Every structure is written in structure tokens, then in C-alpha cells.
Amino acid sequence: MCFSSEPHQYSKKNGEYISYFSDDFTATDTFRFEYKESIISFVPRSLYLKSDSLKSNEKTTQTSTPTIRSDLLKYASLFGDNTEYRLTDTGNIIKEELVLSVNPFPYASYSDELIFEHVFNYNGLIPYINGIAWDGKTTIITSNKIDFKINNAIHYSFAVPYVYDTKGTKTYFSIYCS
């Protein structure tokens, strides 16, 4: 990771891939990735509980300057106390982690949904969900990866998110596209 010019304070180049990272969570391209002629960017916006029985306590992003260690950026308290947001850049793979030291919603029930919301800008790339081009208008729920293509060539893929609980059990999430 190296220091870069504004608005992205950190950048890394690995072959044809370039990653840019910022601590400005009000921007639309806090995290930006370039490959050949394509650009995709995103910013995590909020963490909240979707519940029919309880009023949600939304936790939006806060200002957080990352600490950098080799290929790892850590944003402490991004969604409040006891949260840590991590990005690991291995060159052609970005690993995103949200670490919760304590349950931010201890009153949640099993029927409630924990929502970790992102805003994406895919700059002319075509998202493919379940192998079908997404029109960007229809709400889709998928448990599969999302590919972003130009001229039928995959430039980026987003894997299905998952979580580990304190017992080490892995649970996959669905991706809501709307």
C-alpha cells in the first residue's frame, strides 16, 4: 500500500489491477478498483436490523482513518464502538470483513435480518446475476456471486457474503440488488 493523492489516500497496483482507498465515507467511490478500461467503486453505508417487531437502530458510517499494515487496512469503529471494518488487498482479490466484537443488536430475534448496506457504482459494466444480465430496476435476491462484464468478459466478481459466529459456524447471506 502506498500513499496517494486526494481524494484517495491509499493505492496499490498489482499487474493490471489498481486499488484506491479513502477515509471519506461520504463519497461514492471510497473504494475504487480499476482493471483495463473498467472501473468499479463502492462505499459501505450502514449496518442495521430489519425487524417487523422492533424499531431498527441504524448505524451509519462514521469518520474513521485506517491503520495500514502491509496489504491490510483497518477502520476502527466505522459503525460505532466494537466494530472494525477491514479490507485486505491481495492484488486481484479484495477481502472485505466486518468484525463485531459484541452484538450491536442484542434484542434481535432469528426472524430479523441484519443488513450491511453498500452503494455500488459499476460505471457501464453489466452486472450478471445467476448468469442473466440485470436491468438495474428489478429487485433481485440471490445466493450466488455477481459478475460484472464488458463484452462478455468478466472484469469483477463479488462472492456471496458469509459470516462466522463465535462457534466458528459459517453461514451464507443473500445479496439484495435494488
C-alpha atoms as a PDB file:
ATOM      1  CA  MET A   1       0.000   0.000   0.000  1.00  0.00           C
ATOM      2  CA  CYS A   2       1.314   3.434  -0.730  1.00  0.00           C
ATOM      3  CA  PHE A   3       0.240   6.981  -0.115  1.00  0.00           C
ATOM      4  CA  SER A   4      -1.617   8.572  -2.998  1.00  0.00           C
ATOM      5  CA  SER A   5      -3.113  11.944  -3.847  1.00  0.00           C
ATOM      6  CA  GLU A   6      -6.582  13.152  -2.860  1.00  0.00           C
ATOM      7  CA  PRO A   7      -9.317  12.046  -2.852  1.00  0.00           C
ATOM      8  CA  HIS A   8      -7.920   8.522  -2.451  1.00  0.00           C
ATOM      9  CA  GLN A   9      -5.237   8.493   0.204  1.00  0.00           C
ATOM     10  CA  TYR A  10      -4.044   4.922  -0.373  1.00  0.00           C
ATOM     11  CA  SER A  11      -3.425   2.955  -3.534  1.00  0.00           C
ATOM     12  CA  LYS A  12      -1.908  -0.312  -4.681  1.00  0.00           C
ATOM     13  CA  LYS A  13      -1.027  -1.555  -8.158  1.00  0.00           C
ATOM     14  CA  ASN A  14      -0.688  -5.231  -8.952  1.00  0.00           C
ATOM     15  CA  GLY A  15      -0.289  -6.056 -12.630  1.00  0.00           C
ATOM     16  CA  GLU A  16      -3.336  -4.688 -14.432  1.00  0.00           C
ATOM     17  CA  TYR A  17      -5.274  -4.116 -11.199  1.00  0.00           C
ATOM     18  CA  ILE A  18      -5.193  -0.838  -9.273  1.00  0.00           C
ATOM     19  CA  SER A  19      -6.955  -0.367  -5.929  1.00  0.00           C
ATOM     20  CA  TYR A  20      -7.717   3.003  -4.341  1.00  0.00           C
ATOM     21  CA  PHE A  21      -8.886   3.519  -0.770  1.00  0.00           C
ATOM     22  CA  SER A  22     -10.104   6.610   1.041  1.00  0.00           C
ATOM     23  CA  ASP A  23     -11.347   7.502   4.504  1.00  0.00           C
ATOM     24  CA  ASP A  24     -14.123   9.691   3.070  1.00  0.00           C
ATOM     25  CA  PHE A  25     -17.283   7.652   3.621  1.00  0.00           C
ATOM     26  CA  THR A  26     -19.495  10.408   2.214  1.00  0.00           C
ATOM     27  CA  ALA A  27     -18.029   9.848  -1.265  1.00  0.00           C
ATOM     28  CA  THR A  28     -19.484   7.409  -3.776  1.00  0.00           C
ATOM     29  CA  ASP A  29     -16.109   5.888  -4.553  1.00  0.00           C
ATOM     30  CA  THR A  30     -14.477   5.401  -1.164  1.00  0.00           C
ATOM     31  CA  PHE A  31     -13.131   2.116  -2.523  1.00  0.00           C
ATOM     32  CA  ARG A  32     -12.307   2.159  -6.224  1.00  0.00           C
ATOM     33  CA  PHE A  33     -10.868  -0.590  -8.416  1.00  0.00           C
ATOM     34  CA  GLU A  34      -9.539  -0.337 -11.951  1.00  0.00           C
ATOM     35  CA  TYR A  35      -8.848  -3.171 -14.360  1.00  0.00           C
ATOM     36  CA  LYS A  36      -8.011  -2.497 -18.006  1.00  0.00           C
ATOM     37  CA  GLU A  37     -10.610   0.039 -19.168  1.00  0.00           C
ATOM     38  CA  SER A  38     -13.150  -0.650 -16.413  1.00  0.00           C
ATOM     39  CA  ILE A  39     -13.777   0.968 -13.034  1.00  0.00           C
ATOM     40  CA  ILE A  40     -15.986  -0.189 -10.201  1.00  0.00           C
ATOM     41  CA  SER A  41     -16.377   1.576  -6.878  1.00  0.00           C
ATOM     42  CA  PHE A  42     -18.343   1.210  -3.671  1.00  0.00           C
ATOM     43  CA  VAL A  43     -18.818   2.578  -0.212  1.00  0.00           C
ATOM     44  CA  PRO A  44     -20.297   0.812   2.833  1.00  0.00           C
ATOM     45  CA  ARG A  45     -23.199   2.962   4.049  1.00  0.00           C
ATOM     46  CA  SER A  46     -24.939   1.410   7.010  1.00  0.00           C
ATOM     47  CA  LEU A  47     -25.452  -1.547   9.285  1.00  0.00           C
ATOM     48  CA  TYR A  48     -28.964  -2.060  10.602  1.00  0.00           C
ATOM     49  CA  LEU A  49     -31.542  -4.537  11.786  1.00  0.00           C
ATOM     50  CA  LYS A  50     -34.638  -5.133   9.666  1.00  0.00           C
ATOM     51  CA  SER A  51     -37.349  -6.248  12.036  1.00  0.00           C
ATOM     52  CA  ASP A  52     -41.131  -6.442  11.896  1.00  0.00           C
ATOM     53  CA  SER A  53     -41.439  -6.216  15.668  1.00  0.00           C
ATOM     54  CA  LEU A  54     -38.690  -3.757  16.659  1.00  0.00           C
ATOM     55  CA  LYS A  55     -37.612  -0.298  15.609  1.00  0.00           C
ATOM     56  CA  SER A  56     -34.249  -0.620  13.924  1.00  0.00           C
ATOM     57  CA  ASN A  57     -31.190   1.100  15.282  1.00  0.00           C
ATOM     58  CA  GLU A  58     -29.301   2.070  12.132  1.00  0.00           C
ATOM     59  CA  LYS A  59     -25.568   2.502  12.414  1.00  0.00           C
ATOM     60  CA  THR A  60     -24.223   4.630   9.573  1.00  0.00           C
ATOM     61  CA  THR A  61     -20.584   5.044   8.732  1.00  0.00           C
ATOM     62  CA  GLN A  62     -18.533   7.423  10.836  1.00  0.00           C
ATOM     63  CA  THR A  63     -15.256   9.139  10.056  1.00  0.00           C
ATOM     64  CA  SER A  64     -12.502   6.617  10.509  1.00  0.00           C
ATOM     65  CA  THR A  65      -8.872   6.885   9.480  1.00  0.00           C
ATOM     66  CA  PRO A  66      -7.480   3.471   8.591  1.00  0.00           C
ATOM     67  CA  THR A  67      -4.430   1.884  10.060  1.00  0.00           C
ATOM     68  CA  ILE A  68      -2.318   0.212   7.416  1.00  0.00           C
ATOM     69  CA  ARG A  69      -0.271  -2.942   7.793  1.00  0.00           C
ATOM     70  CA  SER A  70       1.146  -4.350   4.587  1.00  0.00           C
ATOM     71  CA  ASP A  71      -1.934  -5.207   2.493  1.00  0.00           C
ATOM     72  CA  LEU A  72      -4.490  -4.703   5.281  1.00  0.00           C
ATOM     73  CA  LEU A  73      -6.489  -1.548   6.008  1.00  0.00           C
ATOM     74  CA  LYS A  74      -8.408  -1.470   9.296  1.00  0.00           C
ATOM     75  CA  TYR A  75     -11.092   1.112  10.024  1.00  0.00           C
ATOM     76  CA  ALA A  76     -11.841   1.042  13.750  1.00  0.00           C
ATOM     77  CA  SER A  77     -15.321   1.961  14.991  1.00  0.00           C
ATOM     78  CA  LEU A  78     -16.647   2.570  11.479  1.00  0.00           C
ATOM     79  CA  PHE A  79     -20.171   1.608  12.568  1.00  0.00           C
ATOM     80  CA  GLY A  80     -19.789   2.594  16.213  1.00  0.00           C
ATOM     81  CA  ASP A  81     -17.991   1.106  19.177  1.00  0.00           C
ATOM     82  CA  ASN A  82     -16.919  -2.519  18.977  1.00  0.00           C
ATOM     83  CA  THR A  83     -16.926  -2.644  15.167  1.00  0.00           C
ATOM     84  CA  GLU A  84     -13.980  -2.910  12.837  1.00  0.00           C
ATOM     85  CA  TYR A  85     -14.090  -2.803   9.049  1.00  0.00           C
ATOM     86  CA  ARG A  86     -11.159  -4.457   7.247  1.00  0.00           C
ATOM     87  CA  LEU A  87     -10.049  -4.617   3.635  1.00  0.00           C
ATOM     88  CA  THR A  88      -7.241  -6.906   2.556  1.00  0.00           C
ATOM     89  CA  ASP A  89      -5.840  -6.314  -0.921  1.00  0.00           C
ATOM     90  CA  THR A  90      -4.041  -9.341  -2.391  1.00  0.00           C
ATOM     91  CA  GLY A  91      -3.748  -7.850  -5.873  1.00  0.00           C
ATOM     92  CA  ASN A  92      -6.666  -9.352  -7.735  1.00  0.00           C
ATOM     93  CA  ILE A  93      -8.810 -10.189  -4.685  1.00  0.00           C
ATOM     94  CA  ILE A  94     -10.177  -7.764  -2.115  1.00  0.00           C
ATOM     95  CA  LYS A  95     -11.332  -9.406   1.091  1.00  0.00           C
ATOM     96  CA  GLU A  96     -13.895  -7.339   2.981  1.00  0.00           C
ATOM     97  CA  GLU A  97     -14.555  -8.076   6.655  1.00  0.00           C
ATOM     98  CA  LEU A  98     -16.862  -6.531   9.204  1.00  0.00           C
ATOM     99  CA  VAL A  99     -15.802  -7.602  12.690  1.00  0.00           C
ATOM    100  CA  LEU A 100     -18.297  -7.141  15.521  1.00  0.00           C
ATOM    101  CA  SER A 101     -16.734  -7.512  18.969  1.00  0.00           C
ATOM    102  CA  VAL A 102     -20.162  -7.511  20.579  1.00  0.00           C
ATOM    103  CA  ASN A 103     -23.622  -7.950  19.109  1.00  0.00           C
ATOM    104  CA  PRO A 104     -24.742  -4.440  18.084  1.00  0.00           C
ATOM    105  CA  PHE A 105     -28.362  -5.610  18.174  1.00  0.00           C
ATOM    106  CA  PRO A 106     -28.711  -7.849  21.262  1.00  0.00           C
ATOM    107  CA  TYR A 107     -32.508  -7.615  21.134  1.00  0.00           C
ATOM    108  CA  ALA A 108     -32.709  -9.214  17.663  1.00  0.00           C
ATOM    109  CA  SER A 109     -34.637 -12.419  17.058  1.00  0.00           C
ATOM    110  CA  TYR A 110     -33.931 -15.149  14.496  1.00  0.00           C
ATOM    111  CA  SER A 111     -36.620 -13.780  12.165  1.00  0.00           C
ATOM    112  CA  ASP A 112     -34.889 -10.372  11.963  1.00  0.00           C
ATOM    113  CA  GLU A 113     -32.426  -9.555   9.197  1.00  0.00           C
ATOM    114  CA  LEU A 114     -29.044  -7.929   9.694  1.00  0.00           C
ATOM    115  CA  ILE A 115     -28.447  -5.604   6.738  1.00  0.00           C
ATOM    116  CA  PHE A 116     -24.958  -4.434   5.760  1.00  0.00           C
ATOM    117  CA  GLU A 117     -25.668  -1.868   3.057  1.00  0.00           C
ATOM    118  CA  HIS A 118     -23.294  -0.770   0.282  1.00  0.00           C
ATOM    119  CA  VAL A 119     -23.702   1.642  -2.612  1.00  0.00           C
ATOM    120  CA  PHE A 120     -22.036   0.490  -5.846  1.00  0.00           C
ATOM    121  CA  ASN A 121     -21.137   2.414  -8.988  1.00  0.00           C
ATOM    122  CA  TYR A 122     -20.293  -0.009 -11.758  1.00  0.00           C
ATOM    123  CA  ASN A 123     -19.636   2.626 -14.447  1.00  0.00           C
ATOM    124  CA  GLY A 124     -21.064   0.927 -17.531  1.00  0.00           C
ATOM    125  CA  LEU A 125     -20.180  -2.607 -16.504  1.00  0.00           C
ATOM    126  CA  ILE A 126     -23.104  -5.006 -16.822  1.00  0.00           C
ATOM    127  CA  PRO A 127     -23.953  -6.942 -13.645  1.00  0.00           C
ATOM    128  CA  TYR A 128     -24.843 -10.593 -14.211  1.00  0.00           C
ATOM    129  CA  ILE A 129     -26.847 -12.305 -11.504  1.00  0.00           C
ATOM    130  CA  ASN A 130     -27.468 -16.033 -11.821  1.00  0.00           C
ATOM    131  CA  GLY A 131     -25.960 -15.779 -15.318  1.00  0.00           C
ATOM    132  CA  ILE A 132     -28.510 -13.210 -16.510  1.00  0.00           C
ATOM    133  CA  ALA A 133     -27.826  -9.524 -17.203  1.00  0.00           C
ATOM    134  CA  TRP A 134     -29.513  -7.416 -14.509  1.00  0.00           C
ATOM    135  CA  ASP A 135     -31.590  -4.472 -15.721  1.00  0.00           C
ATOM    136  CA  GLY A 136     -30.806  -2.401 -12.609  1.00  0.00           C
ATOM    137  CA  LYS A 137     -34.516  -1.848 -11.947  1.00  0.00           C
ATOM    138  CA  THR A 138     -35.830  -5.182 -10.727  1.00  0.00           C
ATOM    139  CA  THR A 139     -35.142  -6.153  -7.112  1.00  0.00           C
ATOM    140  CA  ILE A 140     -33.307  -9.473  -7.050  1.00  0.00           C
ATOM    141  CA  ILE A 141     -32.306 -11.671  -4.141  1.00  0.00           C
ATOM    142  CA  THR A 142     -29.512 -14.100  -4.903  1.00  0.00           C
ATOM    143  CA  SER A 143     -27.263 -16.516  -3.070  1.00  0.00           C
ATOM    144  CA  ASN A 144     -24.843 -16.607  -5.985  1.00  0.00           C
ATOM    145  CA  LYS A 145     -21.914 -14.422  -6.910  1.00  0.00           C
ATOM    146  CA  ILE A 146     -22.410 -11.340  -9.066  1.00  0.00           C
ATOM    147  CA  ASP A 147     -20.213 -10.929 -12.134  1.00  0.00           C
ATOM    148  CA  PHE A 148     -19.556  -7.571 -13.799  1.00  0.00           C
ATOM    149  CA  LYS A 149     -18.806  -7.845 -17.507  1.00  0.00           C
ATOM    150  CA  ILE A 150     -17.831  -5.820 -20.548  1.00  0.00           C
ATOM    151  CA  ASN A 151     -18.214  -7.506 -23.954  1.00  0.00           C
ATOM    152  CA  ASN A 152     -18.962 -10.819 -22.212  1.00  0.00           C
ATOM    153  CA  ALA A 153     -15.617 -10.748 -20.363  1.00  0.00           C
ATOM    154  CA  ILE A 154     -15.767 -10.829 -16.560  1.00  0.00           C
ATOM    155  CA  HIS A 155     -13.855  -7.908 -15.080  1.00  0.00           C
ATOM    156  CA  TYR A 156     -15.044  -8.208 -11.460  1.00  0.00           C
ATOM    157  CA  SER A 157     -16.924 -10.737  -9.338  1.00  0.00           C
ATOM    158  CA  PHE A 158     -18.488 -10.355  -5.929  1.00  0.00           C
ATOM    159  CA  ALA A 159     -18.703 -13.577  -3.974  1.00  0.00           C
ATOM    160  CA  VAL A 160     -21.611 -14.461  -1.750  1.00  0.00           C
ATOM    161  CA  PRO A 161     -21.068 -12.904   1.673  1.00  0.00           C
ATOM    162  CA  TYR A 162     -20.848 -15.125   4.726  1.00  0.00           C
ATOM    163  CA  VAL A 163     -20.447 -14.839   8.456  1.00  0.00           C
ATOM    164  CA  TYR A 164     -18.710 -16.872  11.132  1.00  0.00           C
ATOM    165  CA  ASP A 165     -20.318 -16.953  14.562  1.00  0.00           C
ATOM    166  CA  THR A 166     -18.432 -17.357  17.838  1.00  0.00           C
ATOM    167  CA  LYS A 167     -18.585 -21.163  17.437  1.00  0.00           C
ATOM    168  CA  GLY A 168     -16.947 -20.989  14.007  1.00  0.00           C
ATOM    169  CA  THR A 169     -20.100 -21.920  12.090  1.00  0.00           C
ATOM    170  CA  LYS A 170     -20.179 -20.425   8.594  1.00  0.00           C
ATOM    171  CA  THR A 171     -23.497 -19.039   7.324  1.00  0.00           C
ATOM    172  CA  TYR A 172     -24.010 -17.593   3.828  1.00  0.00           C
ATOM    173  CA  PHE A 173     -26.070 -14.450   3.209  1.00  0.00           C
ATOM    174  CA  SER A 174     -28.260 -13.414   0.326  1.00  0.00           C
ATOM    175  CA  ILE A 175     -27.444 -10.371  -1.779  1.00  0.00           C
ATOM    176  CA  TYR A 176     -30.295  -7.903  -2.364  1.00  0.00           C
ATOM    177  CA  CYS A 177     -29.935  -5.865  -5.543  1.00  0.00           C
ATOM    178  CA  SER A 178     -32.331  -2.965  -5.889  1.00  0.00           C
END
